[in-house]
Protein backbone atom coordinates (compact mmCIF):
# COMPACT_ATOMS: atom_id res chain seq x y z
CA MET A 1 281.16 -42.11 22.33
CA ARG A 2 279.78 -44.46 25.02
CA ARG A 3 276.60 -44.81 22.95
CA HIS A 4 278.65 -45.96 20.01
CA TRP A 5 280.45 -48.51 22.11
CA HIS A 6 277.08 -49.71 23.38
CA TYR A 7 275.86 -50.40 19.77
CA ILE A 8 279.16 -52.10 18.91
CA PHE A 9 278.83 -54.38 21.99
CA LEU A 10 275.20 -55.35 20.96
CA LEU A 11 276.38 -55.99 17.39
CA LEU A 12 279.25 -58.22 18.55
CA LEU A 13 276.82 -60.11 20.95
CA LEU A 14 274.31 -60.72 18.06
CA LEU A 15 277.23 -61.95 15.86
CA CYS A 16 278.35 -64.36 18.60
CA ASN A 17 274.87 -65.75 18.96
CA ALA A 18 274.54 -66.10 15.21
CA VAL A 19 277.82 -68.03 15.10
CA ASP A 20 276.60 -70.36 17.89
CA VAL A 21 273.29 -71.13 16.17
CA SER A 22 275.12 -71.70 12.86
CA ALA A 23 277.41 -74.10 14.58
CA GLN A 24 274.51 -76.10 16.01
CA GLU A 25 272.92 -76.39 12.65
CA ARG A 26 276.16 -77.71 11.17
CA ASN A 27 276.22 -80.69 13.55
CA ASN A 28 274.31 -83.41 11.67
CA LEU A 29 273.99 -87.13 11.34
CA ILE A 30 272.55 -88.04 7.84
CA ALA A 31 271.53 -91.53 6.66
CA THR A 32 272.02 -92.17 2.88
CA LYS A 33 271.38 -95.36 0.88
CA LYS A 34 274.98 -96.55 1.39
CA LYS A 35 276.40 -94.76 4.30
CA LEU A 36 276.09 -92.62 7.41
CA VAL A 37 277.41 -89.02 7.12
CA LEU A 38 278.57 -87.25 10.33
CA ILE A 39 279.13 -83.51 10.13
CA ILE A 40 280.54 -81.72 13.17
CA ASP A 41 281.54 -78.18 13.95
CA ILE A 42 284.35 -78.40 16.54
CA SER A 43 283.70 -74.80 17.50
CA SER A 44 280.26 -75.90 18.97
CA ALA A 45 279.45 -76.13 22.53
CA LYS A 46 280.55 -79.31 24.34
CA SER A 47 276.88 -80.25 25.00
CA ALA A 48 276.08 -80.06 21.26
CA LEU A 49 278.99 -82.18 20.36
CA ASP A 50 278.25 -84.76 23.08
CA SER A 51 274.67 -84.93 21.74
CA ILE A 52 275.62 -85.61 18.11
CA PHE A 53 278.35 -88.11 19.07
CA LYS A 54 275.89 -90.01 21.25
CA ARG A 55 273.49 -90.19 18.33
CA ALA A 56 276.22 -91.39 16.03
CA GLY A 57 277.19 -94.07 18.51
CA VAL A 58 280.82 -92.81 18.94
CA SER A 59 282.34 -94.26 22.09
CA GLU A 60 284.20 -92.15 24.64
CA THR A 61 284.93 -89.22 22.47
CA LYS A 62 287.29 -86.63 24.06
CA ILE A 63 286.22 -83.16 22.93
CA PRO A 64 289.54 -81.46 23.72
CA ASP A 65 291.37 -84.08 21.57
CA LEU A 66 288.99 -83.34 18.69
CA ILE A 67 289.65 -79.54 18.96
CA LYS A 68 293.40 -80.33 18.75
CA GLY A 69 292.82 -82.36 15.59
CA ASP A 70 293.07 -85.87 17.19
CA PHE A 71 290.24 -87.88 15.56
CA SER A 72 291.41 -91.27 16.81
CA ALA A 73 288.18 -91.93 18.77
CA LEU A 74 286.16 -91.52 15.55
CA ILE A 75 288.56 -93.48 13.47
CA SER A 76 288.58 -96.43 15.88
CA ASP A 77 284.83 -96.51 15.60
CA GLY A 78 285.04 -96.90 11.81
CA TRP A 79 284.54 -93.24 10.71
CA MET A 80 286.61 -91.83 7.84
CA MET A 81 287.29 -88.11 7.46
CA VAL A 82 286.08 -87.07 3.99
CA LYS A 83 286.63 -83.28 4.03
CA ARG A 84 287.35 -80.30 6.28
CA ASP A 85 286.39 -76.68 5.97
CA ASN A 86 287.97 -74.82 8.86
CA ASN A 87 286.07 -75.97 11.91
CA VAL A 88 283.50 -78.04 10.04
CA ILE A 89 284.58 -81.62 9.39
CA GLU A 90 282.67 -84.32 7.56
CA PHE A 91 283.04 -88.10 8.19
CA ASP A 92 281.30 -91.08 6.80
CA GLN A 93 280.89 -94.69 7.47
CA SER A 94 279.55 -97.55 5.30
CA LEU A 95 276.20 -98.99 6.37
CA LYS A 96 277.39 -102.32 4.97
CA ARG A 97 280.33 -102.31 7.44
CA ILE A 98 278.08 -101.69 10.50
CA ARG A 99 275.50 -104.13 9.22
CA ALA A 100 272.73 -101.65 9.32
CA ASN A 101 269.75 -101.60 7.01
CA PRO A 102 270.38 -99.14 4.19
CA GLN A 103 267.89 -96.25 3.58
CA GLU A 104 266.28 -95.79 0.13
CA ASN A 105 266.29 -92.05 0.56
CA THR A 106 268.55 -89.48 2.29
CA PHE A 107 267.28 -87.62 5.27
CA VAL A 108 268.58 -86.09 8.54
CA ILE A 109 268.20 -88.31 11.54
CA THR A 110 265.42 -87.01 13.82
CA THR A 111 266.21 -85.81 17.27
CA GLN A 112 262.72 -86.72 18.48
CA ILE A 113 262.99 -89.86 20.59
CA ILE A 114 260.38 -91.80 22.46
CA PRO A 115 262.16 -92.62 25.79
CA ASN A 116 262.12 -96.28 26.76
CA THR A 117 259.75 -97.01 29.70
CA GLU A 118 262.36 -99.45 31.03
CA LYS A 119 260.08 -102.41 30.25
CA HIS A 120 261.41 -105.43 28.72
CA GLY A 121 259.60 -106.44 25.55
CA TYR A 122 259.08 -109.97 26.77
CA ALA A 123 255.73 -111.25 25.55
CA ASP A 124 255.00 -114.57 27.33
CA ASN A 125 253.22 -116.04 24.36
CA ILE A 126 256.10 -115.36 21.89
CA LEU A 127 259.19 -117.52 22.37
CA TYR A 128 261.30 -116.40 19.44
CA GLY A 129 261.07 -114.32 16.32
CA VAL A 130 262.76 -113.15 13.09
CA ASN A 131 261.69 -110.01 11.29
CA LYS A 132 260.40 -110.11 7.64
CA PHE A 133 260.06 -106.79 5.80
CA SER A 134 259.35 -106.29 2.07
CA ALA A 135 261.24 -102.93 2.47
CA ALA A 136 263.16 -101.69 5.48
CA SER A 137 260.60 -99.78 7.58
CA VAL A 138 262.15 -100.63 11.00
CA VAL A 139 265.92 -100.41 11.30
CA GLU A 140 268.49 -100.58 14.11
CA LEU A 141 270.76 -97.44 14.20
CA PRO A 142 274.39 -97.44 15.30
CA SER A 143 273.39 -95.26 18.20
CA GLY A 144 271.30 -98.05 19.68
CA LEU A 145 268.01 -96.39 18.78
CA THR A 146 265.28 -98.16 16.63
CA ARG A 147 263.90 -96.22 13.71
CA PHE A 148 260.37 -96.67 12.47
CA ILE A 149 259.61 -95.47 8.89
CA LEU A 150 256.36 -94.92 7.22
CA PRO A 151 256.73 -93.94 3.47
CA GLY A 152 254.27 -91.66 1.80
CA PHE A 153 251.20 -90.07 3.47
CA LEU A 154 252.65 -86.66 2.78
CA THR A 155 249.25 -85.02 2.82
CA ALA A 156 248.62 -86.01 6.46
CA LYS A 157 248.94 -83.26 8.94
CA ARG A 158 250.27 -85.61 11.69
CA VAL A 159 251.31 -89.24 11.81
CA PHE A 160 251.79 -91.24 15.13
CA LEU A 161 253.49 -94.45 16.02
CA SER A 162 251.54 -96.34 18.75
CA GLY A 163 252.38 -99.76 20.21
CA SER A 164 253.02 -101.83 23.23
CA PHE A 165 256.14 -99.80 23.90
CA ASN A 166 254.10 -96.58 24.76
CA ASP A 167 250.94 -98.33 26.10
CA TRP A 168 249.19 -97.78 22.76
CA SER A 169 249.08 -94.05 23.24
CA THR A 170 247.32 -91.87 20.68
CA LEU A 171 249.13 -88.79 21.93
CA LYS A 172 252.71 -89.92 22.14
CA GLY A 173 254.90 -91.01 19.26
CA VAL A 174 254.52 -87.97 16.92
CA MET A 175 256.61 -88.82 13.80
CA THR A 176 258.71 -86.41 11.93
CA LYS A 177 257.92 -85.60 8.34
CA THR A 178 260.60 -86.14 5.70
CA PRO A 179 260.57 -85.59 1.89
CA ASP A 180 259.44 -89.23 1.42
CA GLY A 181 257.36 -90.00 4.46
CA TRP A 182 257.54 -90.04 8.33
CA VAL A 183 260.19 -91.27 10.78
CA ILE A 184 260.68 -91.54 14.54
CA ASP A 185 263.43 -93.03 16.69
CA ILE A 186 262.66 -95.04 19.77
CA LYS A 187 264.82 -96.44 22.56
CA LEU A 188 263.88 -100.12 23.03
CA LYS A 189 265.07 -103.01 24.97
CA PRO A 190 265.20 -106.43 23.33
CA GLY A 191 261.87 -108.03 22.86
CA ALA A 192 258.73 -108.53 20.83
CA TYR A 193 256.65 -105.43 20.19
CA GLU A 194 253.29 -104.87 18.56
CA TYR A 195 252.61 -101.53 16.86
CA LYS A 196 250.56 -99.58 14.38
CA PHE A 197 250.70 -96.27 12.56
CA ILE A 198 247.97 -93.56 12.86
CA ALA A 199 247.89 -91.49 9.71
CA GLY A 200 245.18 -88.92 9.28
CA GLY A 201 243.31 -90.40 12.17
CA ARG A 202 243.27 -93.84 10.65
CA TRP A 203 244.96 -96.78 12.39
CA MET A 204 246.95 -99.05 10.02
CA THR A 205 249.52 -101.84 10.14
CA ASP A 206 253.00 -101.42 8.67
CA PRO A 207 252.53 -101.95 4.88
CA ASN A 208 256.12 -103.28 4.66
CA ASN A 209 256.01 -105.66 7.62
CA GLN A 210 255.05 -109.25 6.68
CA ILE A 211 254.55 -110.31 10.31
CA ASN A 212 251.16 -109.49 11.84
CA ILE A 213 249.27 -110.87 14.85
CA ASP A 214 245.65 -110.98 15.98
CA ASP A 215 245.26 -108.86 19.03
CA GLY A 216 242.37 -110.97 20.33
CA GLY A 217 239.83 -108.25 19.65
CA GLY A 218 239.32 -108.84 15.96
CA ASN A 219 242.16 -106.41 14.92
CA THR A 220 245.59 -106.96 13.53
CA ASN A 221 248.93 -105.48 14.74
CA SER A 222 252.40 -105.45 13.21
CA VAL A 223 255.11 -107.19 15.20
CA TYR A 224 258.72 -106.04 15.44
CA TYR A 225 261.50 -108.16 17.14
CA LYS A 226 264.42 -106.32 18.57
CA TYR A 227 267.09 -109.05 18.59
CA ASN A 228 268.91 -110.16 21.62
CA TYR A 229 271.01 -113.15 20.46
CA THR A 230 273.02 -114.31 17.45
CA PHE A 231 273.80 -117.88 16.80
CA LYS A 232 277.31 -118.23 15.15
CA LEU A 233 279.11 -121.06 13.40
CA ARG A 234 282.63 -120.59 12.13
CA GLY A 235 283.94 -122.39 9.12
CA PHE A 236 281.84 -124.57 6.85
CA SER A 237 282.59 -122.42 3.86
CA LEU A 238 281.38 -125.15 1.40
CA ALA A 239 278.04 -125.57 3.16
CA HIS A 240 274.85 -124.70 1.15
CA LYS A 241 272.26 -124.36 3.94
CA ILE A 242 272.68 -124.01 7.72
CA ALA A 243 269.84 -123.63 10.18
CA VAL A 244 269.30 -123.81 13.95
CA ALA A 245 266.48 -125.74 15.61
CA GLY A 246 265.50 -126.12 19.22
CA ASN A 247 262.67 -126.57 21.63
CA PHE A 248 261.89 -122.91 21.28
CA ASN A 249 260.65 -123.47 17.68
CA ASN A 250 259.53 -127.06 18.03
CA TRP A 251 262.65 -128.34 16.39
CA ILE A 252 261.60 -127.17 12.91
CA PRO A 253 264.80 -127.90 10.92
CA ASP A 254 264.63 -125.41 8.02
CA GLU A 255 262.92 -122.27 9.50
CA LEU A 256 265.68 -120.30 11.11
CA LEU A 257 268.40 -120.00 8.47
CA PHE A 258 271.89 -118.69 8.77
CA GLU A 259 273.56 -116.06 6.41
CA LYS A 260 277.13 -116.27 5.46
CA LYS A 261 279.12 -113.62 7.36
CA GLY A 262 282.96 -113.30 6.96
CA ASP A 263 284.57 -116.57 7.88
CA GLY A 264 281.41 -118.21 9.12
CA TRP A 265 277.62 -118.10 9.41
CA GLU A 266 275.27 -116.12 11.65
CA CYS A 267 271.56 -116.22 12.53
CA PRO A 268 270.36 -113.21 14.55
CA LEU A 269 266.96 -113.45 16.29
CA TYR A 270 264.85 -112.65 19.23
CA VAL A 271 264.63 -115.32 22.00
CA HIS A 272 262.39 -115.00 24.98
CA GLU A 273 264.00 -115.35 28.43
CA GLY A 274 264.48 -118.88 29.44
CA THR A 275 266.69 -122.03 29.07
CA TYR A 276 266.57 -123.92 25.78
CA VAL A 277 268.27 -126.82 24.00
CA TYR A 278 269.27 -126.62 20.32
CA ARG A 279 271.39 -128.07 17.50
CA PHE A 280 272.59 -126.79 14.21
CA VAL A 281 271.52 -128.44 10.89
CA VAL A 282 274.30 -128.27 8.26
CA ASP A 283 273.05 -129.53 4.84
CA GLY A 284 270.82 -131.88 6.59
CA ASP A 285 273.26 -133.19 9.21
CA TRP A 286 272.48 -132.33 12.87
CA MET A 287 275.35 -131.23 15.17
CA THR A 288 275.79 -129.41 18.45
CA ASP A 289 277.17 -125.88 18.57
CA PRO A 290 280.99 -126.23 18.61
CA GLY A 291 281.31 -122.72 20.18
CA ASN A 292 279.09 -123.59 23.18
CA PRO A 293 280.66 -125.90 25.79
CA GLU A 294 277.33 -126.40 27.72
CA LYS A 295 275.57 -129.54 26.68
CA TYR A 296 272.57 -131.59 27.68
CA THR A 297 271.72 -135.24 26.94
CA ASP A 298 267.95 -135.83 26.55
CA ASP A 299 266.02 -139.06 27.32
CA LYS A 300 266.67 -140.33 23.89
CA GLY A 301 270.45 -139.97 24.15
CA ASN A 302 270.62 -136.91 21.88
CA ILE A 303 273.36 -134.44 22.89
CA ASN A 304 272.08 -130.88 22.56
CA SER A 305 273.61 -127.46 23.12
CA VAL A 306 272.17 -125.36 25.91
CA LEU A 307 271.09 -121.70 25.55
CA LYS A 308 270.21 -119.46 28.51
CA ILE A 309 268.71 -116.03 28.02
CA GLY A 310 268.13 -113.81 31.05
CA GLU A 311 269.81 -111.84 33.73
CA THR A 312 273.10 -112.89 35.29
CA VAL A 313 272.66 -113.21 39.00
CA TYR A 314 275.78 -113.64 41.21
CA PHE A 315 275.11 -115.94 44.20
CA LYS A 316 277.61 -115.14 46.95
CA LEU A 317 278.35 -116.77 50.25
CA ASN A 318 280.94 -115.09 52.48
CA GLY A 319 283.07 -117.08 54.87
CA TYR A 320 283.30 -120.84 55.13
CA PRO A 321 287.04 -121.08 54.25
CA ASN A 322 287.37 -124.66 55.25
CA ALA A 323 284.38 -125.97 53.22
CA GLN A 324 285.04 -128.50 50.54
CA ASN A 325 281.97 -128.12 48.34
CA VAL A 326 279.35 -125.31 48.17
CA TYR A 327 276.30 -125.46 45.95
CA VAL A 328 273.30 -123.25 45.32
CA THR A 329 269.91 -124.71 44.59
CA GLY A 330 266.45 -123.34 44.24
CA SER A 331 263.18 -123.27 42.40
CA PHE A 332 265.12 -122.31 39.26
CA ASN A 333 266.77 -125.76 38.97
CA GLY A 334 264.17 -127.92 40.67
CA TRP A 335 266.05 -127.88 43.98
CA LYS A 336 268.74 -130.22 42.76
CA ALA A 337 271.32 -130.73 45.53
CA ASP A 338 274.40 -130.85 43.25
CA GLY A 339 273.22 -128.72 40.34
CA ILE A 340 275.23 -125.43 40.58
CA LYS A 341 278.66 -125.39 42.30
CA LEU A 342 280.24 -122.21 43.66
CA LYS A 343 283.84 -121.36 43.22
CA LYS A 344 286.03 -120.46 46.15
CA THR A 345 287.29 -116.85 46.41
CA ILE A 346 289.46 -114.90 48.90
CA ASP A 347 286.55 -114.03 51.11
CA GLY A 348 284.00 -116.75 50.31
CA TRP A 349 282.24 -118.51 47.44
CA VAL A 350 280.55 -117.18 44.26
CA VAL A 351 278.90 -118.46 41.06
CA PRO A 352 277.05 -116.56 38.28
CA VAL A 353 273.67 -117.99 37.13
CA ILE A 354 271.54 -116.84 34.29
CA LEU A 355 267.88 -116.53 35.32
CA GLN A 356 264.73 -115.36 33.53
CA SER A 357 262.53 -112.68 35.15
CA GLY A 358 260.65 -114.19 38.03
CA ASN A 359 260.45 -114.97 41.86
CA TYR A 360 262.71 -117.63 43.25
CA GLY A 361 263.45 -119.38 46.45
CA TYR A 362 266.94 -120.72 47.11
CA LYS A 363 269.47 -122.08 49.59
CA PHE A 364 273.12 -122.81 49.80
CA ILE A 365 274.48 -126.31 50.57
CA VAL A 366 277.69 -126.28 52.42
CA ASP A 367 279.26 -129.72 52.63
CA GLY A 368 275.79 -131.26 52.69
CA ASN A 369 274.29 -128.68 55.11
CA TRP A 370 271.37 -126.67 53.77
CA ILE A 371 271.42 -123.00 54.83
CA THR A 372 269.61 -119.78 53.92
CA ASP A 373 271.60 -116.86 52.61
CA PRO A 374 272.86 -114.97 55.65
CA ALA A 375 273.21 -111.71 53.63
CA ASN A 376 269.60 -111.80 52.42
CA PRO A 377 266.78 -110.50 54.70
CA PHE A 378 263.99 -111.70 52.32
CA HIS A 379 262.44 -115.19 52.66
CA THR A 380 259.80 -117.45 51.19
CA VAL A 381 258.21 -120.25 52.99
CA VAL A 382 257.33 -123.50 51.17
CA ASP A 383 256.04 -126.62 52.98
CA LYS A 384 257.06 -124.95 56.31
CA GLN A 385 260.65 -124.61 55.01
CA TYR A 386 262.31 -121.21 55.07
CA ASN A 387 264.21 -120.30 51.91
CA SER A 388 265.96 -117.15 50.88
CA PHE A 389 264.02 -115.13 48.33
CA LEU A 390 265.13 -113.46 45.13
CA ALA A 391 263.15 -111.51 42.48
CA VAL A 392 264.87 -111.08 39.09
CA ASN A 393 263.80 -107.93 37.32
CA PRO A 394 261.22 -107.04 39.99
CA THR A 395 258.23 -104.83 38.81
CA HIS A 396 257.12 -103.65 42.18
CA THR A 397 258.44 -103.12 45.73
CA PHE A 398 255.91 -103.45 48.53
CA LYS A 399 256.74 -101.32 51.57
CA LEU A 400 255.28 -100.95 55.10
CA ASP A 401 256.74 -98.14 57.15
CA GLY A 402 257.09 -98.58 60.98
CA TYR A 403 256.11 -101.61 62.94
CA ALA A 404 259.63 -102.00 64.24
CA ASN A 405 258.54 -104.37 67.02
CA ALA A 406 256.67 -106.80 64.76
CA HIS A 407 258.02 -110.27 64.63
CA ALA A 408 256.95 -111.19 61.17
CA VAL A 409 255.22 -109.39 58.25
CA TYR A 410 253.91 -111.57 55.35
CA LEU A 411 252.53 -110.42 51.97
CA PRO A 412 249.51 -112.46 50.75
CA GLY A 413 247.59 -111.50 47.64
CA THR A 414 246.04 -112.79 44.51
CA PHE A 415 249.59 -113.29 43.03
CA ASN A 416 250.07 -116.24 45.43
CA ASP A 417 246.46 -117.36 46.05
CA TRP A 418 246.41 -115.45 49.37
CA ASN A 419 249.07 -117.66 50.89
CA THR A 420 249.60 -116.38 54.31
CA ASN A 421 253.16 -117.61 54.96
CA GLU A 422 254.89 -117.68 51.54
CA TYR A 423 256.42 -114.10 51.14
CA LEU A 424 258.09 -113.05 54.37
CA MET A 425 259.06 -109.38 54.14
CA GLY A 426 262.37 -108.20 55.23
CA HIS A 427 262.97 -105.68 58.00
CA THR A 428 265.02 -102.98 56.35
CA GLY A 429 265.60 -99.38 57.41
CA ASN A 430 262.47 -97.89 59.12
CA GLY A 431 260.02 -100.65 57.99
CA TRP A 432 259.44 -103.79 56.02
CA SER A 433 259.72 -104.42 52.25
CA ILE A 434 259.91 -107.06 49.55
CA SER A 435 260.24 -106.80 45.78
CA LEU A 436 258.35 -109.15 43.38
CA TYR A 437 258.26 -109.80 39.69
CA LEU A 438 254.69 -109.46 38.58
CA LYS A 439 253.28 -109.64 35.09
CA PRO A 440 251.02 -106.75 33.84
CA GLY A 441 247.56 -106.88 35.32
CA LYS A 442 245.52 -106.15 38.42
CA TYR A 443 246.40 -107.60 41.87
CA LEU A 444 244.78 -107.48 45.27
CA TYR A 445 246.83 -107.81 48.45
CA LYS A 446 247.12 -107.08 52.14
CA PHE A 447 249.91 -107.04 54.80
CA LEU A 448 249.77 -109.70 57.58
CA VAL A 449 251.54 -108.24 60.57
CA ASP A 450 252.00 -110.73 63.37
CA GLY A 451 248.71 -112.41 62.27
CA ASN A 452 246.76 -109.13 61.86
CA TRP A 453 245.41 -108.23 58.46
CA MET A 454 245.76 -104.67 57.26
CA LEU A 455 245.43 -102.59 54.09
CA ASP A 456 248.50 -100.90 52.65
CA PRO A 457 248.49 -97.44 54.32
CA ALA A 458 250.61 -96.01 51.56
CA ASN A 459 248.23 -97.10 48.74
CA LYS A 460 245.00 -95.14 48.32
CA LEU A 461 243.57 -97.74 45.82
CA TRP A 462 241.46 -100.37 47.53
CA GLU A 463 238.18 -102.24 46.90
CA GLN A 464 235.68 -103.93 49.14
CA ASN A 465 235.89 -107.70 49.71
CA GLN A 466 233.39 -110.28 50.91
CA TYR A 467 234.49 -109.82 54.49
CA ASP A 468 233.88 -106.05 54.36
CA THR A 469 237.51 -105.49 55.31
CA GLY A 470 238.75 -104.36 51.88
CA ASN A 471 241.80 -105.25 49.82
CA SER A 472 244.53 -103.03 48.50
CA VAL A 473 244.73 -102.76 44.71
CA LEU A 474 247.90 -102.76 42.55
CA TRP A 475 247.97 -102.24 38.80
CA ILE A 476 251.09 -103.39 36.98
CA GLU A 477 251.34 -101.87 33.44
């Protein structure tokens, strides 16, 4: 009798496993020509449901509420329940509503994702860009992922996607085969990216991408822009053509055209980090952006709107309750004494400033008195003047452990022409450190501890120099 119960237990266990596998297979996100279809099995494990909701871009879904039949989270995100078969429920959402590019063929969205390397796609030689495709081969998904599509090549054993986002790897970026071609999803930050497909061992540009660029070595790469800004203009329903022009595109008046959207017009695009001036051109008439209060008058008396793309940095100064005026100034605004005014708070002063990636020196000006930031241990020295130092989106942190009794540790290198008193490292924790924003490339450097030169003891990479004392080597990818 015990043996019978043993077999019954094994049978029940196998059935439970079969139900679980079946439930996983019934959680799908499918892209069709006109809509996204979301199929969920609410009897699935929480991890499986969390995964499919993340891919579908559903925000803050509460699994217990779904099990109870409360689908308000899905409905608020624009999903409509189409049908239900016990625990399996099907929702859909129009691609037109979410402004995604439609797919010509139906296929299940791949779960293979190239993780982002946390690099911004800011190419210094590209200030702006708008995509041009003869057919949608790169599309933005509601989940935030970017899908690359290569139609055809069904006889190929494997197809890869290689580009600046994965360091042009020939091993990463394996695409998934579909009935009509190959697809892969990538997590990208806004920026300009070069890429190619590798099909059957042959490198090729995207046949549907009309934007290509010379790589400097006699080859051509496709370029994709992941947008980071949208110009908007409300009203003007009777206008025929609206464009935006600025110093980022040499003021070309009919290049960046708007499309009519709802009760106004929109022009999405990629814009490199920086500060720009621009105006709208409505049926040939130039005007500032009525939705942007920040203006700038140029030398010719033209009033332009101002666009700032970058990271928001909060400059804070604690104390000084009796001060009348507090400003922040630095290399980011030409050291203007009255450029950026801070607002008074309960415990001090604060102002948000949008800065592009880079290294900056700055000071506060309190009722005319220039002071360094008392909360910032990092400094830069220019013309024998000590300034507080800030790196926006730093790419490397230099560290030197120990030397607690040292008076000053500087960081000279090829990135600052071996300036021996520019980057003063901060004494933090058990050593010294400073973070810098450095562009991709090779750099040589040393530490200067109380006037004594030394290699970085934590860096095994070094090369000999003309003085036979060596330099530490740093590669930024």
